Amino acid sequence: MKKRVLLICALGWITQGVVAQPVGTVKLTGFLKFGGATNALFEIAKKPSEPPETITLLEGETTDGIEVVKINCDSGQVDIILRGKKKTLGFDHPPTGPTLLHFEQMSCRQAVDVYRKLSDGNMLWILPETKRLSLHLDAPSSKTHALKSIEQALLEQGYTNTVIGKDCFVFGPIRNLQQLKSFVAWPKIQDGEKADIFFNFDGALVVQVFIEYASLIDRSREETKDVCCEGVYLHTGRFLTKPEAIFVLEIAFALHGYKPELVGEKSVTLVPLEAK
């Protein structure tokens, strides 16, 4: 049976402090070599008003008019065919020898996505904003070392992670993760429950996320005062059941200092955590 996607959003991207790429350009942000396969990591600028799209390709793969012909890890160069024309992409500071992983001015959210893939597909939250990082690991190196190195690189940018339940990695600003102490148990999936809800928020306003939350719990939304205008960055690595979806949105609110509060039998509002 085809899964029902309840929600996929890319709203209100925050671009402060980021230099936009010209539309149509492709930037090499890194590569990763594990299990005999080498992945090249790119950013593609598609629209001037939106963040660049990030993609990962193996040799011989093609998407969005980009074909990866050859990935040379040791020289830090990738030969591609871009819209029918041959082109070689490289780094300002290429590796100088056998390399396992090399990131150069990669967005934190793309680095977190790499972390998710190395974590064997465990569920992952993406909450970094627009900061960038660089990271290099010589070969040979273990997957565990690579994960620890990415965690350290993110930590240097002000982000850290915690784990809720067995498969939910939460990355976010260090100052906010203390809000997650009450989230210790992941909702149990009941027999017969459908997992058909997927979130992808890229800078959605807290109020916009709250609209979706109210819809999920079948309540009307009461006006909320003084709600912050920060962007919510959230990606779910798999489809969720309804209780799971409600749970992860409550985590997102907590990271921004809020908690849903039921009002009567039919409404819900957001209140600051400090007020509880």
C-alpha atoms as a PDB file:
ATOM      1  CA  MET A   1       0.000   0.000   0.000  1.00  0.00           C
ATOM      2  CA  LYS A   2       1.281   3.439  -0.892  1.00  0.00           C
ATOM      3  CA  LYS A   3       2.234   5.531   2.105  1.00  0.00           C
ATOM      4  CA  ARG A   4       0.329   8.745   2.735  1.00  0.00           C
ATOM      5  CA  VAL A   5       2.551  11.763   3.224  1.00  0.00           C
ATOM      6  CA  LEU A   6       0.755  14.064   5.620  1.00  0.00           C
ATOM      7  CA  LEU A   7       3.279  16.856   5.619  1.00  0.00           C
ATOM      8  CA  ILE A   8       6.328  17.926   3.670  1.00  0.00           C
ATOM      9  CA  CYS A   9       7.275  21.570   4.172  1.00  0.00           C
ATOM     10  CA  ALA A  10      10.139  23.871   3.266  1.00  0.00           C
ATOM     11  CA  LEU A  11       9.051  27.143   4.792  1.00  0.00           C
ATOM     12  CA  GLY A  12      10.677  30.449   5.676  1.00  0.00           C
ATOM     13  CA  TRP A  13      14.319  29.596   5.064  1.00  0.00           C
ATOM     14  CA  ILE A  14      16.620  31.870   7.080  1.00  0.00           C
ATOM     15  CA  THR A  15      19.546  33.139   4.996  1.00  0.00           C
ATOM     16  CA  GLN A  16      21.173  35.660   7.302  1.00  0.00           C
ATOM     17  CA  GLY A  17      24.954  35.634   6.954  1.00  0.00           C
ATOM     18  CA  VAL A  18      24.971  33.247   3.974  1.00  0.00           C
ATOM     19  CA  VAL A  19      26.273  34.217   0.548  1.00  0.00           C
ATOM     20  CA  ALA A  20      23.891  32.842  -2.057  1.00  0.00           C
ATOM     21  CA  GLN A  21      25.239  30.769  -4.938  1.00  0.00           C
ATOM     22  CA  PRO A  22      24.326  31.898  -8.465  1.00  0.00           C
ATOM     23  CA  VAL A  23      21.292  29.979  -9.716  1.00  0.00           C
ATOM     24  CA  GLY A  24      22.263  26.886 -11.675  1.00  0.00           C
ATOM     25  CA  THR A  25      25.692  26.431 -10.102  1.00  0.00           C
ATOM     26  CA  VAL A  26      26.923  23.222  -8.493  1.00  0.00           C
ATOM     27  CA  LYS A  27      29.359  23.263  -5.570  1.00  0.00           C
ATOM     28  CA  LEU A  28      31.377  20.290  -4.345  1.00  0.00           C
ATOM     29  CA  THR A  29      31.122  20.244  -0.539  1.00  0.00           C
ATOM     30  CA  GLY A  30      32.771  16.944   0.260  1.00  0.00           C
ATOM     31  CA  PHE A  31      33.182  13.236  -0.275  1.00  0.00           C
ATOM     32  CA  LEU A  32      32.930  10.139   1.850  1.00  0.00           C
ATOM     33  CA  LYS A  33      34.444   6.680   1.320  1.00  0.00           C
ATOM     34  CA  PHE A  34      32.985   3.732   3.213  1.00  0.00           C
ATOM     35  CA  GLY A  35      32.280   0.080   2.509  1.00  0.00           C
ATOM     36  CA  GLY A  36      33.972   0.183  -0.885  1.00  0.00           C
ATOM     37  CA  ALA A  37      31.696   2.987  -2.158  1.00  0.00           C
ATOM     38  CA  THR A  38      32.686   6.622  -2.617  1.00  0.00           C
ATOM     39  CA  ASN A  39      30.048   9.343  -2.384  1.00  0.00           C
ATOM     40  CA  ALA A  40      30.434  12.888  -3.671  1.00  0.00           C
ATOM     41  CA  LEU A  41      28.460  15.584  -1.837  1.00  0.00           C
ATOM     42  CA  PHE A  42      27.108  18.632  -3.658  1.00  0.00           C
ATOM     43  CA  GLU A  43      25.035  21.786  -3.242  1.00  0.00           C
ATOM     44  CA  ILE A  44      22.867  22.876  -6.170  1.00  0.00           C
ATOM     45  CA  ALA A  45      21.488  26.418  -6.326  1.00  0.00           C
ATOM     46  CA  LYS A  46      18.056  26.150  -7.956  1.00  0.00           C
ATOM     47  CA  LYS A  47      16.157  29.296  -6.957  1.00  0.00           C
ATOM     48  CA  PRO A  48      17.455  32.645  -5.666  1.00  0.00           C
ATOM     49  CA  SER A  49      14.908  32.739  -2.830  1.00  0.00           C
ATOM     50  CA  GLU A  50      15.612  29.216  -1.557  1.00  0.00           C
ATOM     51  CA  PRO A  51      18.606  27.485   0.049  1.00  0.00           C
ATOM     52  CA  PRO A  52      20.759  25.290  -2.192  1.00  0.00           C
ATOM     53  CA  GLU A  53      19.635  21.693  -2.442  1.00  0.00           C
ATOM     54  CA  THR A  54      22.067  19.071  -1.154  1.00  0.00           C
ATOM     55  CA  ILE A  55      22.612  15.765  -2.941  1.00  0.00           C
ATOM     56  CA  THR A  56      24.872  12.723  -2.593  1.00  0.00           C
ATOM     57  CA  LEU A  57      25.930  10.711  -5.650  1.00  0.00           C
ATOM     58  CA  LEU A  58      28.071   7.654  -6.406  1.00  0.00           C
ATOM     59  CA  GLU A  59      30.209   7.282  -9.531  1.00  0.00           C
ATOM     60  CA  GLY A  60      27.929   6.705 -12.502  1.00  0.00           C
ATOM     61  CA  GLU A  61      24.832   8.129 -10.828  1.00  0.00           C
ATOM     62  CA  THR A  62      22.830  10.969 -12.376  1.00  0.00           C
ATOM     63  CA  THR A  63      20.295  13.416 -10.945  1.00  0.00           C
ATOM     64  CA  ASP A  64      19.116  16.961 -11.715  1.00  0.00           C
ATOM     65  CA  GLY A  65      21.270  17.107 -14.850  1.00  0.00           C
ATOM     66  CA  ILE A  66      24.462  16.083 -12.993  1.00  0.00           C
ATOM     67  CA  GLU A  67      26.301  12.861 -13.806  1.00  0.00           C
ATOM     68  CA  VAL A  68      29.281  11.833 -11.671  1.00  0.00           C
ATOM     69  CA  VAL A  69      31.931  10.357 -13.962  1.00  0.00           C
ATOM     70  CA  LYS A  70      34.853   9.895 -11.561  1.00  0.00           C
ATOM     71  CA  ILE A  71      35.620  10.641  -7.901  1.00  0.00           C
ATOM     72  CA  ASN A  72      39.305  10.993  -7.027  1.00  0.00           C
ATOM     73  CA  CYS A  73      39.528  11.073  -3.233  1.00  0.00           C
ATOM     74  CA  ASP A  74      43.289  11.498  -3.029  1.00  0.00           C
ATOM     75  CA  SER A  75      43.354  14.624  -5.224  1.00  0.00           C
ATOM     76  CA  GLY A  76      39.994  15.953  -4.064  1.00  0.00           C
ATOM     77  CA  GLN A  77      38.555  16.251  -7.567  1.00  0.00           C
ATOM     78  CA  VAL A  78      35.287  15.042  -9.046  1.00  0.00           C
ATOM     79  CA  ASP A  79      34.654  14.812 -12.788  1.00  0.00           C
ATOM     80  CA  ILE A  80      31.033  15.469 -13.689  1.00  0.00           C
ATOM     81  CA  ILE A  81      28.863  16.086 -16.730  1.00  0.00           C
ATOM     82  CA  LEU A  82      26.658  19.095 -16.011  1.00  0.00           C
ATOM     83  CA  ARG A  83      23.822  19.560 -18.471  1.00  0.00           C
ATOM     84  CA  GLY A  84      25.838  17.829 -21.196  1.00  0.00           C
ATOM     85  CA  LYS A  85      29.161  19.579 -20.524  1.00  0.00           C
ATOM     86  CA  LYS A  86      32.205  17.987 -18.888  1.00  0.00           C
ATOM     87  CA  LYS A  87      33.483  19.746 -15.789  1.00  0.00           C
ATOM     88  CA  THR A  88      35.926  19.067 -12.937  1.00  0.00           C
ATOM     89  CA  LEU A  89      35.052  20.261  -9.437  1.00  0.00           C
ATOM     90  CA  GLY A  90      37.532  20.550  -6.599  1.00  0.00           C
ATOM     91  CA  PHE A  91      38.285  22.185  -3.247  1.00  0.00           C
ATOM     92  CA  ASP A  92      40.167  25.318  -2.249  1.00  0.00           C
ATOM     93  CA  HIS A  93      42.100  23.131   0.210  1.00  0.00           C
ATOM     94  CA  PRO A  94      42.215  19.626  -1.306  1.00  0.00           C
ATOM     95  CA  PRO A  95      43.457  16.555   0.583  1.00  0.00           C
ATOM     96  CA  THR A  96      47.073  15.542   0.040  1.00  0.00           C
ATOM     97  CA  GLY A  97      46.888  11.770   0.431  1.00  0.00           C
ATOM     98  CA  PRO A  98      44.644   8.765   1.082  1.00  0.00           C
ATOM     99  CA  THR A  99      41.386  10.183   2.413  1.00  0.00           C
ATOM    100  CA  LEU A 100      38.300   8.676   4.032  1.00  0.00           C
ATOM    101  CA  LEU A 101      36.236  11.824   4.471  1.00  0.00           C
ATOM    102  CA  HIS A 102      36.685  15.434   3.410  1.00  0.00           C
ATOM    103  CA  PHE A 103      34.212  18.301   3.989  1.00  0.00           C
ATOM    104  CA  GLU A 104      34.940  21.845   2.907  1.00  0.00           C
ATOM    105  CA  GLN A 105      32.579  24.684   3.914  1.00  0.00           C
ATOM    106  CA  MET A 106      29.731  22.208   4.172  1.00  0.00           C
ATOM    107  CA  SER A 107      26.474  23.354   5.762  1.00  0.00           C
ATOM    108  CA  CYS A 108      25.885  21.904   9.224  1.00  0.00           C
ATOM    109  CA  ARG A 109      22.605  20.414   8.102  1.00  0.00           C
ATOM    110  CA  GLN A 110      24.323  18.518   5.280  1.00  0.00           C
ATOM    111  CA  ALA A 111      26.940  17.254   7.759  1.00  0.00           C
ATOM    112  CA  VAL A 112      24.117  16.043  10.011  1.00  0.00           C
ATOM    113  CA  ASP A 113      22.549  14.257   7.053  1.00  0.00           C
ATOM    114  CA  VAL A 114      25.863  12.464   6.446  1.00  0.00           C
ATOM    115  CA  TYR A 115      25.838  11.536  10.133  1.00  0.00           C
ATOM    116  CA  ARG A 116      22.346  10.077   9.719  1.00  0.00           C
ATOM    117  CA  LYS A 117      23.452   7.899   6.809  1.00  0.00           C
ATOM    118  CA  LEU A 118      26.508   6.662   8.694  1.00  0.00           C
ATOM    119  CA  SER A 119      24.263   5.836  11.659  1.00  0.00           C
ATOM    120  CA  ASP A 120      22.629   3.058   9.620  1.00  0.00           C
ATOM    121  CA  GLY A 121      19.488   5.058   8.913  1.00  0.00           C
ATOM    122  CA  ASN A 122      18.573   5.768  12.529  1.00  0.00           C
ATOM    123  CA  MET A 123      16.018   8.496  12.912  1.00  0.00           C
ATOM    124  CA  LEU A 124      17.664  11.888  12.962  1.00  0.00           C
ATOM    125  CA  TRP A 125      16.580  15.449  13.677  1.00  0.00           C
ATOM    126  CA  ILE A 126      18.230  18.233  11.743  1.00  0.00           C
ATOM    127  CA  LEU A 127      18.229  21.469  13.722  1.00  0.00           C
ATOM    128  CA  PRO A 128      21.367  23.351  12.657  1.00  0.00           C
ATOM    129  CA  GLU A 129      20.898  26.729  11.008  1.00  0.00           C
ATOM    130  CA  THR A 130      23.212  28.132   8.329  1.00  0.00           C
ATOM    131  CA  LYS A 131      26.670  27.664   9.831  1.00  0.00           C
ATOM    132  CA  ARG A 132      29.333  25.773   7.876  1.00  0.00           C
ATOM    133  CA  LEU A 133      32.175  23.476   8.786  1.00  0.00           C
ATOM    134  CA  SER A 134      35.243  21.799   7.308  1.00  0.00           C
ATOM    135  CA  LEU A 135      36.539  18.354   8.289  1.00  0.00           C
ATOM    136  CA  HIS A 136      39.183  15.930   7.020  1.00  0.00           C
ATOM    137  CA  LEU A 137      39.878  12.293   7.967  1.00  0.00           C
ATOM    138  CA  ASP A 138      42.749  10.288   6.528  1.00  0.00           C
ATOM    139  CA  ALA A 139      42.197   6.704   5.459  1.00  0.00           C
ATOM    140  CA  PRO A 140      41.981   4.180   6.973  1.00  0.00           C
ATOM    141  CA  SER A 141      39.525   5.090   9.714  1.00  0.00           C
ATOM    142  CA  SER A 142      36.499   3.473  11.308  1.00  0.00           C
ATOM    143  CA  LYS A 143      32.850   4.471  11.018  1.00  0.00           C
ATOM    144  CA  THR A 144      32.826   5.130  14.775  1.00  0.00           C
ATOM    145  CA  HIS A 145      35.754   7.530  14.396  1.00  0.00           C
ATOM    146  CA  ALA A 146      33.985   9.297  11.528  1.00  0.00           C
ATOM    147  CA  LEU A 147      30.808   9.742  13.596  1.00  0.00           C
ATOM    148  CA  LYS A 148      32.771  11.084  16.568  1.00  0.00           C
ATOM    149  CA  SER A 149      34.664  13.469  14.288  1.00  0.00           C
ATOM    150  CA  ILE A 150      31.441  14.860  12.799  1.00  0.00           C
ATOM    151  CA  GLU A 151      30.007  15.269  16.317  1.00  0.00           C
ATOM    152  CA  GLN A 152      33.128  17.221  17.342  1.00  0.00           C
ATOM    153  CA  ALA A 153      32.997  19.433  14.231  1.00  0.00           C
ATOM    154  CA  LEU A 154      29.348  20.254  14.952  1.00  0.00           C
ATOM    155  CA  LEU A 155      30.173  20.899  18.609  1.00  0.00           C
ATOM    156  CA  GLU A 156      32.734  23.501  17.524  1.00  0.00           C
ATOM    157  CA  GLN A 157      29.900  25.273  15.674  1.00  0.00           C
ATOM    158  CA  GLY A 158      27.750  25.332  18.821  1.00  0.00           C
ATOM    159  CA  TYR A 159      25.684  22.200  18.176  1.00  0.00           C
ATOM    160  CA  THR A 160      25.532  18.954  20.088  1.00  0.00           C
ATOM    161  CA  ASN A 161      23.322  15.888  20.175  1.00  0.00           C
ATOM    162  CA  THR A 162      21.398  13.692  22.535  1.00  0.00           C
ATOM    163  CA  VAL A 163      19.480  10.456  22.062  1.00  0.00           C
ATOM    164  CA  ILE A 164      15.834   9.882  22.971  1.00  0.00           C
ATOM    165  CA  GLY A 165      14.626   6.317  23.087  1.00  0.00           C
ATOM    166  CA  LYS A 166      16.509   3.908  20.854  1.00  0.00           C
ATOM    167  CA  ASP A 167      16.558   5.590  17.466  1.00  0.00           C
ATOM    168  CA  CYS A 168      16.044   9.337  17.743  1.00  0.00           C
ATOM    169  CA  PHE A 169      19.190  11.464  17.435  1.00  0.00           C
ATOM    170  CA  VAL A 170      18.486  15.101  18.287  1.00  0.00           C
ATOM    171  CA  PHE A 171      21.001  17.702  17.095  1.00  0.00           C
ATOM    172  CA  GLY A 172      20.513  21.262  18.256  1.00  0.00           C
ATOM    173  CA  PRO A 173      22.077  24.341  19.866  1.00  0.00           C
ATOM    174  CA  ILE A 174      23.878  23.419  23.088  1.00  0.00           C
ATOM    175  CA  ARG A 175      21.878  25.965  25.096  1.00  0.00           C
ATOM    176  CA  ASN A 176      18.569  24.310  24.149  1.00  0.00           C
ATOM    177  CA  LEU A 177      19.164  20.593  24.663  1.00  0.00           C
ATOM    178  CA  GLN A 178      18.610  20.895  28.426  1.00  0.00           C
ATOM    179  CA  GLN A 179      14.933  21.400  27.547  1.00  0.00           C
ATOM    180  CA  LEU A 180      14.731  17.739  26.484  1.00  0.00           C
ATOM    181  CA  LYS A 181      15.217  16.153  29.899  1.00  0.00           C
ATOM    182  CA  SER A 182      11.540  15.197  30.155  1.00  0.00           C
ATOM    183  CA  PHE A 183      11.568  13.391  26.785  1.00  0.00           C
ATOM    184  CA  VAL A 184      12.967  10.011  27.806  1.00  0.00           C
ATOM    185  CA  ALA A 185      10.663   7.397  26.274  1.00  0.00           C
ATOM    186  CA  TRP A 186       9.825   7.108  22.599  1.00  0.00           C
ATOM    187  CA  PRO A 187       6.130   6.300  21.966  1.00  0.00           C
ATOM    188  CA  LYS A 188       5.460   2.591  21.526  1.00  0.00           C
ATOM    189  CA  ILE A 189       4.083   1.605  18.145  1.00  0.00           C
ATOM    190  CA  GLN A 190       0.821  -0.313  18.508  1.00  0.00           C
ATOM    191  CA  ASP A 191      -0.146  -3.177  16.220  1.00  0.00           C
ATOM    192  CA  GLY A 192      -1.965  -1.919  13.155  1.00  0.00           C
ATOM    193  CA  GLU A 193      -0.837   1.713  13.488  1.00  0.00           C
ATOM    194  CA  LYS A 194       0.057   3.312  10.162  1.00  0.00           C
ATOM    195  CA  ALA A 195       3.391   5.049   9.751  1.00  0.00           C
ATOM    196  CA  ASP A 196       2.562   7.579   7.038  1.00  0.00           C
ATOM    197  CA  ILE A 197       3.677  10.996   8.349  1.00  0.00           C
ATOM    198  CA  PHE A 198       6.917  12.662   7.291  1.00  0.00           C
ATOM    199  CA  PHE A 199       8.334  16.062   8.285  1.00  0.00           C
ATOM    200  CA  ASN A 200      10.898  18.163   6.457  1.00  0.00           C
ATOM    201  CA  PHE A 201      11.022  21.688   7.915  1.00  0.00           C
ATOM    202  CA  ASP A 202      13.686  24.073   6.627  1.00  0.00           C
ATOM    203  CA  GLY A 203      13.237  27.212   8.701  1.00  0.00           C
ATOM    204  CA  ALA A 204       9.478  26.966   9.282  1.00  0.00           C
ATOM    205  CA  LEU A 205       8.233  29.418  11.912  1.00  0.00           C
ATOM    206  CA  VAL A 206       7.230  27.969  15.282  1.00  0.00           C
ATOM    207  CA  VAL A 207       3.674  29.212  14.688  1.00  0.00           C
ATOM    208  CA  GLN A 208       3.505  27.367  11.355  1.00  0.00           C
ATOM    209  CA  VAL A 209       4.614  24.135  13.027  1.00  0.00           C
ATOM    210  CA  PHE A 210       2.018  24.719  15.751  1.00  0.00           C
ATOM    211  CA  ILE A 211      -0.742  24.844  13.119  1.00  0.00           C
ATOM    212  CA  GLU A 212       0.242  21.345  12.002  1.00  0.00           C
ATOM    213  CA  TYR A 213       0.411  20.153  15.617  1.00  0.00           C
ATOM    214  CA  ALA A 214      -3.110  21.385  16.366  1.00  0.00           C
ATOM    215  CA  SER A 215      -4.353  19.564  13.278  1.00  0.00           C
ATOM    216  CA  LEU A 216      -2.698  16.320  14.385  1.00  0.00           C
ATOM    217  CA  ILE A 217      -4.371  16.360  17.814  1.00  0.00           C
ATOM    218  CA  ASP A 218      -7.723  17.448  16.338  1.00  0.00           C
ATOM    219  CA  ARG A 219      -7.983  20.703  18.289  1.00  0.00           C
ATOM    220  CA  SER A 220      -8.436  24.318  17.317  1.00  0.00           C
ATOM    221  CA  ARG A 221      -5.451  26.605  17.821  1.00  0.00           C
ATOM    222  CA  GLU A 222      -5.746  29.429  20.320  1.00  0.00           C
ATOM    223  CA  GLU A 223      -3.805  32.595  19.593  1.00  0.00           C
ATOM    224  CA  THR A 224      -0.340  32.486  21.107  1.00  0.00           C
ATOM    225  CA  LYS A 225       1.400  35.639  22.275  1.00  0.00           C
ATOM    226  CA  ASP A 226       5.095  36.467  22.045  1.00  0.00           C
ATOM    227  CA  VAL A 227       6.038  33.281  20.182  1.00  0.00           C
ATOM    228  CA  CYS A 228       9.609  33.458  18.871  1.00  0.00           C
ATOM    229  CA  CYS A 229      10.319  33.919  15.162  1.00  0.00           C
ATOM    230  CA  GLU A 230      13.155  31.390  15.041  1.00  0.00           C
ATOM    231  CA  GLY A 231      13.178  28.844  12.246  1.00  0.00           C
ATOM    232  CA  VAL A 232      12.452  25.199  12.974  1.00  0.00           C
ATOM    233  CA  TYR A 233      14.809  22.780  11.222  1.00  0.00           C
ATOM    234  CA  LEU A 234      13.461  19.266  11.391  1.00  0.00           C
ATOM    235  CA  HIS A 235      13.856  16.187   9.245  1.00  0.00           C
ATOM    236  CA  THR A 236      12.466  12.757  10.088  1.00  0.00           C
ATOM    237  CA  GLY A 237      14.516   9.932   8.650  1.00  0.00           C
ATOM    238  CA  ARG A 238      11.481   7.675   8.240  1.00  0.00           C
ATOM    239  CA  PHE A 239       7.683   7.735   8.170  1.00  0.00           C
ATOM    240  CA  LEU A 240       6.053   8.163  11.582  1.00  0.00           C
ATOM    241  CA  THR A 241       2.881   7.016  13.256  1.00  0.00           C
ATOM    242  CA  LYS A 242       0.548   9.737  14.528  1.00  0.00           C
ATOM    243  CA  PRO A 243       1.687   9.425  18.196  1.00  0.00           C
ATOM    244  CA  GLU A 244       5.322   9.619  17.047  1.00  0.00           C
ATOM    245  CA  ALA A 245       4.608  12.685  14.922  1.00  0.00           C
ATOM    246  CA  ILE A 246       2.951  14.448  17.863  1.00  0.00           C
ATOM    247  CA  PHE A 247       5.902  13.501  20.083  1.00  0.00           C
ATOM    248  CA  VAL A 248       8.570  14.864  17.726  1.00  0.00           C
ATOM    249  CA  LEU A 249       6.736  18.166  17.265  1.00  0.00           C
ATOM    250  CA  GLU A 250       6.602  18.534  21.041  1.00  0.00           C
ATOM    251  CA  ILE A 251      10.380  18.031  21.067  1.00  0.00           C
ATOM    252  CA  ALA A 252      10.733  20.773  18.458  1.00  0.00           C
ATOM    253  CA  PHE A 253       8.654  23.155  20.582  1.00  0.00           C
ATOM    254  CA  ALA A 254      10.754  22.317  23.674  1.00  0.00           C
ATOM    255  CA  LEU A 255      13.951  23.129  21.805  1.00  0.00           C
ATOM    256  CA  HIS A 256      12.524  26.582  21.164  1.00  0.00           C
ATOM    257  CA  GLY A 257      11.340  27.033  24.760  1.00  0.00           C
ATOM    258  CA  TYR A 258       7.635  26.174  24.437  1.00  0.00           C
ATOM    259  CA  LYS A 259       5.173  23.496  25.448  1.00  0.00           C
ATOM    260  CA  PRO A 260       1.633  22.823  24.134  1.00  0.00           C
ATOM    261  CA  GLU A 261      -1.096  23.260  26.733  1.00  0.00           C
ATOM    262  CA  LEU A 262      -4.659  22.002  26.301  1.00  0.00           C
ATOM    263  CA  VAL A 263      -7.396  24.580  26.794  1.00  0.00           C
ATOM    264  CA  GLY A 264     -10.803  23.146  27.632  1.00  0.00           C
ATOM    265  CA  GLU A 265     -11.960  20.224  25.519  1.00  0.00           C
ATOM    266  CA  LYS A 266     -11.374  21.593  22.046  1.00  0.00           C
ATOM    267  CA  SER A 267      -8.402  23.973  21.969  1.00  0.00           C
ATOM    268  CA  VAL A 268      -4.630  24.051  22.425  1.00  0.00           C
ATOM    269  CA  THR A 269      -2.132  26.860  22.930  1.00  0.00           C
ATOM    270  CA  LEU A 270       1.634  27.278  23.295  1.00  0.00           C
ATOM    271  CA  VAL A 271       3.097  28.459  26.583  1.00  0.00           C
ATOM    272  CA  PRO A 272       6.722  29.209  27.547  1.00  0.00           C
ATOM    273  CA  LEU A 273       8.413  26.361  29.401  1.00  0.00           C
ATOM    274  CA  GLU A 274       9.555  28.808  32.075  1.00  0.00           C
ATOM    275  CA  ALA A 275       5.930  29.407  32.975  1.00  0.00           C
ATOM    276  CA  LYS A 276       5.262  25.740  33.751  1.00  0.00           C
END
